[in-house]
Amino acid sequence: MIAIPVARRDGGVLKNVNLFTKARLIALFNEQDELVEVLENSHTSGKTLALELIEMGVKTLITNHMGQTPYQLLTAAGVTILFRPGSTETGELLQLLRSNALDPMTADMVHSSKHQHHAGDNHSCDCGS
C-alpha cells in the first residue's frame, strides 16, 4: 500500500501537503495506483500516525517533511519513504513513483530539513519529532 499525506480534496483531486503530521487526510493507494481509502488524520504526533500506517501495511510513503521519530519508526518497519520536492497532486506523484523519479528520503534529509521553516530554536513543531 502507498500512503500520501494530503491537505484537501478538490472535487476528485487530492491535493497534498508538505508536513507529514499536519496532513488532514492520508490517501491510500494499492499497487495498481487505485485509491483504496482516504483516512481522516486525527493524530497529533508523527509517531502515532507512523504507527497506524505501519499497522495498516503501508509499504511506501511519499512526503517531503517529517520528524526524526516517525522516520525512524517507518524505516525500521521496512517502509520506503520517498521525498517529493514540492506540492503536487497525488496522480502526478504516483506517475513520478512509477517512473522512479522520486528520491528516497534519507536520515540526512530529515536532519537537514527538520524545522527549517521555524524562526528560532524555541518554536514548537508538530512534524513528529
Protein backbone atom coordinates (compact mmCIF):
# COMPACT_ATOMS: atom_id res chain seq x y z
CA MET A 1 0.00 0.00 0.00
CA ILE A 2 1.14 3.54 -0.81
CA ALA A 3 0.38 6.47 1.53
CA ILE A 4 0.38 10.15 0.57
CA PRO A 5 -0.46 12.87 3.10
CA VAL A 6 -2.96 15.29 1.57
CA ALA A 7 -4.38 18.66 2.61
CA ARG A 8 -7.78 18.54 0.95
CA ARG A 9 -9.95 17.03 -1.72
CA ASP A 10 -10.93 19.43 -4.51
CA GLY A 11 -13.65 17.53 -6.29
CA GLY A 12 -11.98 14.30 -7.24
CA VAL A 13 -8.45 15.69 -6.97
CA LEU A 14 -6.42 15.11 -3.82
CA LYS A 15 -4.05 17.99 -3.11
CA ASN A 16 -1.06 17.09 -0.98
CA VAL A 17 0.58 18.92 1.87
CA ASN A 18 4.19 19.35 2.94
CA LEU A 19 4.09 18.30 6.59
CA PHE A 20 3.58 14.62 7.42
CA THR A 21 1.68 15.18 10.68
CA LYS A 22 -0.22 18.30 9.53
CA ALA A 23 -1.99 16.49 6.70
CA ARG A 24 -5.74 16.48 7.22
CA LEU A 25 -6.10 13.33 5.14
CA ILE A 26 -3.97 10.33 4.22
CA ALA A 27 -4.67 8.90 0.76
CA LEU A 28 -4.02 5.16 0.47
CA PHE A 29 -3.41 3.54 -2.91
CA ASN A 30 -2.92 -0.08 -3.90
CA GLU A 31 -0.03 -1.25 -6.06
CA GLN A 32 -2.11 -0.57 -9.20
CA ASP A 33 -2.35 3.11 -8.15
CA GLU A 34 -6.05 2.78 -7.38
CA LEU A 35 -7.37 4.85 -4.49
CA VAL A 36 -8.34 2.43 -1.73
CA GLU A 37 -9.24 4.79 1.08
CA VAL A 38 -8.87 8.35 2.32
CA LEU A 39 -8.31 8.45 6.08
CA GLU A 40 -9.01 11.40 8.34
CA ASN A 41 -5.79 12.20 10.19
CA SER A 42 -6.77 12.69 13.83
CA HIS A 43 -3.24 12.16 15.14
CA THR A 44 -1.42 14.96 16.91
CA SER A 45 2.02 13.40 16.59
CA GLY A 46 4.02 11.90 13.77
CA LYS A 47 4.79 8.91 15.97
CA THR A 48 1.17 7.80 16.31
CA LEU A 49 0.46 8.44 12.63
CA ALA A 50 3.53 6.39 11.66
CA LEU A 51 2.43 3.52 13.91
CA GLU A 52 -1.05 3.50 12.34
CA LEU A 53 0.39 3.41 8.81
CA ILE A 54 2.69 0.54 9.77
CA GLU A 55 -0.25 -1.36 11.27
CA MET A 56 -2.24 -0.81 8.07
CA GLY A 57 0.50 -2.37 5.97
CA VAL A 58 1.81 0.73 4.20
CA LYS A 59 4.98 -0.13 2.26
CA THR A 60 5.65 3.26 0.60
CA LEU A 61 5.14 6.80 1.88
CA ILE A 62 5.60 9.91 -0.27
CA THR A 63 6.24 13.14 1.67
CA ASN A 64 8.74 15.98 1.89
CA HIS A 65 8.95 16.73 5.59
CA MET A 66 8.82 14.60 8.69
CA GLY A 67 10.40 14.44 12.09
CA GLN A 68 13.09 12.04 13.17
CA THR A 69 10.86 9.79 15.31
CA PRO A 70 8.33 8.84 12.61
CA TYR A 71 11.19 8.50 10.11
CA GLN A 72 12.96 6.01 12.38
CA LEU A 73 9.76 4.05 13.10
CA LEU A 74 8.76 3.80 9.45
CA THR A 75 12.19 2.84 8.14
CA ALA A 76 12.66 0.27 10.94
CA ALA A 77 9.37 -1.30 9.82
CA GLY A 78 10.61 -1.52 6.23
CA VAL A 79 8.53 1.35 4.84
CA THR A 80 10.16 3.11 1.89
CA ILE A 81 9.92 6.88 2.37
CA LEU A 82 10.21 8.85 -0.84
CA PHE A 83 10.93 12.55 -0.99
CA ARG A 84 8.83 14.87 -3.11
CA PRO A 85 10.40 18.27 -3.68
CA GLY A 86 7.18 20.28 -3.92
CA SER A 87 3.45 20.15 -3.58
CA THR A 88 1.61 18.39 -6.34
CA GLU A 89 -1.47 16.23 -6.90
CA THR A 90 -1.48 12.58 -5.91
CA GLY A 91 -1.89 11.41 -9.52
CA GLU A 92 1.29 13.21 -10.51
CA LEU A 93 3.13 11.75 -7.52
CA LEU A 94 2.08 8.23 -8.50
CA GLN A 95 3.37 8.86 -12.04
CA LEU A 96 6.69 10.07 -10.59
CA LEU A 97 6.81 6.96 -8.38
CA ARG A 98 6.27 4.64 -11.35
CA SER A 99 8.97 6.39 -13.40
CA ASN A 100 11.43 6.17 -10.47
CA ALA A 101 11.66 9.98 -10.38
CA LEU A 102 11.33 10.28 -6.58
CA ASP A 103 14.41 10.07 -4.38
CA PRO A 104 14.46 8.09 -1.15
CA MET A 105 14.33 10.27 1.95
CA THR A 106 17.48 9.68 3.96
CA ALA A 107 18.31 10.33 7.60
CA ASP A 108 20.47 13.26 6.48
CA MET A 109 17.45 14.83 4.78
CA VAL A 110 15.38 14.51 7.93
CA HIS A 111 18.08 16.24 9.96
CA SER A 112 18.81 19.00 7.46
CA SER A 113 15.21 19.84 6.59
CA LYS A 114 13.81 19.41 10.09
CA HIS A 115 12.39 22.67 11.38
CA GLN A 116 13.91 24.69 8.53
CA HIS A 117 10.76 26.79 8.35
CA HIS A 118 10.95 27.86 12.00
CA ALA A 119 12.28 31.21 13.11
CA GLY A 120 14.03 30.09 16.28
CA ASP A 121 15.03 27.19 18.48
CA ASN A 122 12.18 27.72 20.95
CA HIS A 123 9.40 27.22 18.39
CA SER A 124 7.43 24.04 18.92
CA CYS A 125 6.79 21.90 15.90
CA ASP A 126 4.18 19.29 15.03
CA CYS A 127 6.31 17.45 12.48
CA GLY A 128 6.54 14.43 14.75
CA SER A 129 9.99 14.57 16.25
